Amino acid sequence: MEDDSNTGSGGGGLFERLTTLTTLVRAGRAFRKENTGRAGLLIGSVLVGRRSSRLGYLLQLADTVNQVRKRLR
């Protein structure tokens, strides 16, 4: 049976794969709404996150903070 809890491998665990999938869905929705800057940031966070998960999460956090800031205006 495959162990999905390993975070050191290149494929990542189940959590990393789900995060990648949801981020790509968010990027697709942003692209459909013609928000290409946000879509590019999200796709970039997925690509960077494959090498350094902390940096990928940091980019996603920056996007989330930006979205919250826009809604609070």
C-alpha atoms as a PDB file:
ATOM      1  CA  MET A   1       0.000   0.000   0.000  1.00  0.00           C
ATOM      2  CA  GLU A   2       1.290   3.463  -0.878  1.00  0.00           C
ATOM      3  CA  ASP A   3       2.038   5.860   1.968  1.00  0.00           C
ATOM      4  CA  ASP A   4       0.523   9.305   1.259  1.00  0.00           C
ATOM      5  CA  SER A   5       2.051  10.935   4.327  1.00  0.00           C
ATOM      6  CA  ASN A   6       5.523  11.338   2.840  1.00  0.00           C
ATOM      7  CA  THR A   7       6.376  14.932   2.057  1.00  0.00           C
ATOM      8  CA  GLY A   8       9.995  14.440   1.046  1.00  0.00           C
ATOM      9  CA  SER A   9       9.344  12.746  -2.282  1.00  0.00           C
ATOM     10  CA  GLY A  10       8.920  14.603  -5.536  1.00  0.00           C
ATOM     11  CA  GLY A  11       5.331  13.441  -5.975  1.00  0.00           C
ATOM     12  CA  GLY A  12       4.233  14.729  -2.609  1.00  0.00           C
ATOM     13  CA  GLY A  13       1.606  13.312  -0.350  1.00  0.00           C
ATOM     14  CA  LEU A  14      -2.137  13.396  -0.655  1.00  0.00           C
ATOM     15  CA  PHE A  15      -2.374  16.851   0.933  1.00  0.00           C
ATOM     16  CA  GLU A  16       0.110  18.335  -1.543  1.00  0.00           C
ATOM     17  CA  ARG A  17      -1.724  16.806  -4.498  1.00  0.00           C
ATOM     18  CA  LEU A  18      -5.077  18.150  -3.280  1.00  0.00           C
ATOM     19  CA  THR A  19      -3.563  21.586  -2.733  1.00  0.00           C
ATOM     20  CA  THR A  20      -2.173  21.526  -6.267  1.00  0.00           C
ATOM     21  CA  LEU A  21      -5.537  20.505  -7.689  1.00  0.00           C
ATOM     22  CA  THR A  22      -7.515  23.170  -5.822  1.00  0.00           C
ATOM     23  CA  THR A  23      -4.985  25.848  -6.752  1.00  0.00           C
ATOM     24  CA  LEU A  24      -5.259  24.921 -10.423  1.00  0.00           C
ATOM     25  CA  VAL A  25      -9.055  25.093 -10.168  1.00  0.00           C
ATOM     26  CA  ARG A  26      -8.767  28.553  -8.600  1.00  0.00           C
ATOM     27  CA  ALA A  27      -6.405  29.585 -11.409  1.00  0.00           C
ATOM     28  CA  GLY A  28      -8.867  28.325 -14.016  1.00  0.00           C
ATOM     29  CA  ARG A  29     -11.700  30.317 -12.456  1.00  0.00           C
ATOM     30  CA  ALA A  30      -9.521  33.429 -12.330  1.00  0.00           C
ATOM     31  CA  PHE A  31      -8.563  32.959 -15.975  1.00  0.00           C
ATOM     32  CA  ARG A  32     -12.231  32.565 -16.962  1.00  0.00           C
ATOM     33  CA  LYS A  33     -13.023  35.833 -15.175  1.00  0.00           C
ATOM     34  CA  GLU A  34     -10.215  37.445 -17.223  1.00  0.00           C
ATOM     35  CA  ASN A  35      -8.052  37.977 -14.139  1.00  0.00           C
ATOM     36  CA  THR A  36      -4.894  36.748 -15.833  1.00  0.00           C
ATOM     37  CA  GLY A  37      -2.563  38.263 -13.250  1.00  0.00           C
ATOM     38  CA  ARG A  38      -4.111  36.255 -10.432  1.00  0.00           C
ATOM     39  CA  ALA A  39      -4.262  33.146 -12.622  1.00  0.00           C
ATOM     40  CA  GLY A  40      -0.577  33.527 -13.424  1.00  0.00           C
ATOM     41  CA  LEU A  41       0.287  33.943  -9.754  1.00  0.00           C
ATOM     42  CA  LEU A  42      -1.640  30.791  -8.848  1.00  0.00           C
ATOM     43  CA  ILE A  43      -0.105  28.728 -11.636  1.00  0.00           C
ATOM     44  CA  GLY A  44       3.299  30.046 -10.633  1.00  0.00           C
ATOM     45  CA  SER A  45       2.670  29.006  -7.043  1.00  0.00           C
ATOM     46  CA  VAL A  46       1.912  25.471  -8.238  1.00  0.00           C
ATOM     47  CA  LEU A  47       5.081  25.337 -10.342  1.00  0.00           C
ATOM     48  CA  VAL A  48       7.238  26.765  -7.558  1.00  0.00           C
ATOM     49  CA  GLY A  49       5.472  24.611  -4.986  1.00  0.00           C
ATOM     50  CA  ARG A  50       6.615  21.467  -6.740  1.00  0.00           C
ATOM     51  CA  ARG A  51      10.197  22.393  -5.783  1.00  0.00           C
ATOM     52  CA  SER A  52       9.638  24.258  -2.518  1.00  0.00           C
ATOM     53  CA  SER A  53       6.283  23.711  -0.843  1.00  0.00           C
ATOM     54  CA  ARG A  54       6.881  26.530   1.646  1.00  0.00           C
ATOM     55  CA  LEU A  55       7.414  29.070  -1.114  1.00  0.00           C
ATOM     56  CA  GLY A  56       4.348  27.771  -2.966  1.00  0.00           C
ATOM     57  CA  TYR A  57       2.233  28.171   0.176  1.00  0.00           C
ATOM     58  CA  LEU A  58       3.654  31.670   0.657  1.00  0.00           C
ATOM     59  CA  LEU A  59       2.537  32.673  -2.842  1.00  0.00           C
ATOM     60  CA  GLN A  60      -0.923  31.222  -2.214  1.00  0.00           C
ATOM     61  CA  LEU A  61      -1.091  33.102   1.082  1.00  0.00           C
ATOM     62  CA  ALA A  62      -0.192  36.327  -0.716  1.00  0.00           C
ATOM     63  CA  ASP A  63      -3.066  35.740  -3.145  1.00  0.00           C
ATOM     64  CA  THR A  64      -5.489  34.998  -0.297  1.00  0.00           C
ATOM     65  CA  VAL A  65      -4.454  38.118   1.628  1.00  0.00           C
ATOM     66  CA  ASN A  66      -4.896  40.188  -1.522  1.00  0.00           C
ATOM     67  CA  GLN A  67      -8.388  38.777  -2.089  1.00  0.00           C
ATOM     68  CA  VAL A  68      -9.407  39.470   1.528  1.00  0.00           C
ATOM     69  CA  ARG A  69      -8.002  43.007   1.260  1.00  0.00           C
ATOM     70  CA  LYS A  70     -10.068  43.647  -1.875  1.00  0.00           C
ATOM     71  CA  ARG A  71     -13.263  42.410  -0.216  1.00  0.00           C
ATOM     72  CA  LEU A  72     -12.762  44.555   2.864  1.00  0.00           C
ATOM     73  CA  ARG A  73     -12.546  47.791   0.868  1.00  0.00           C
END
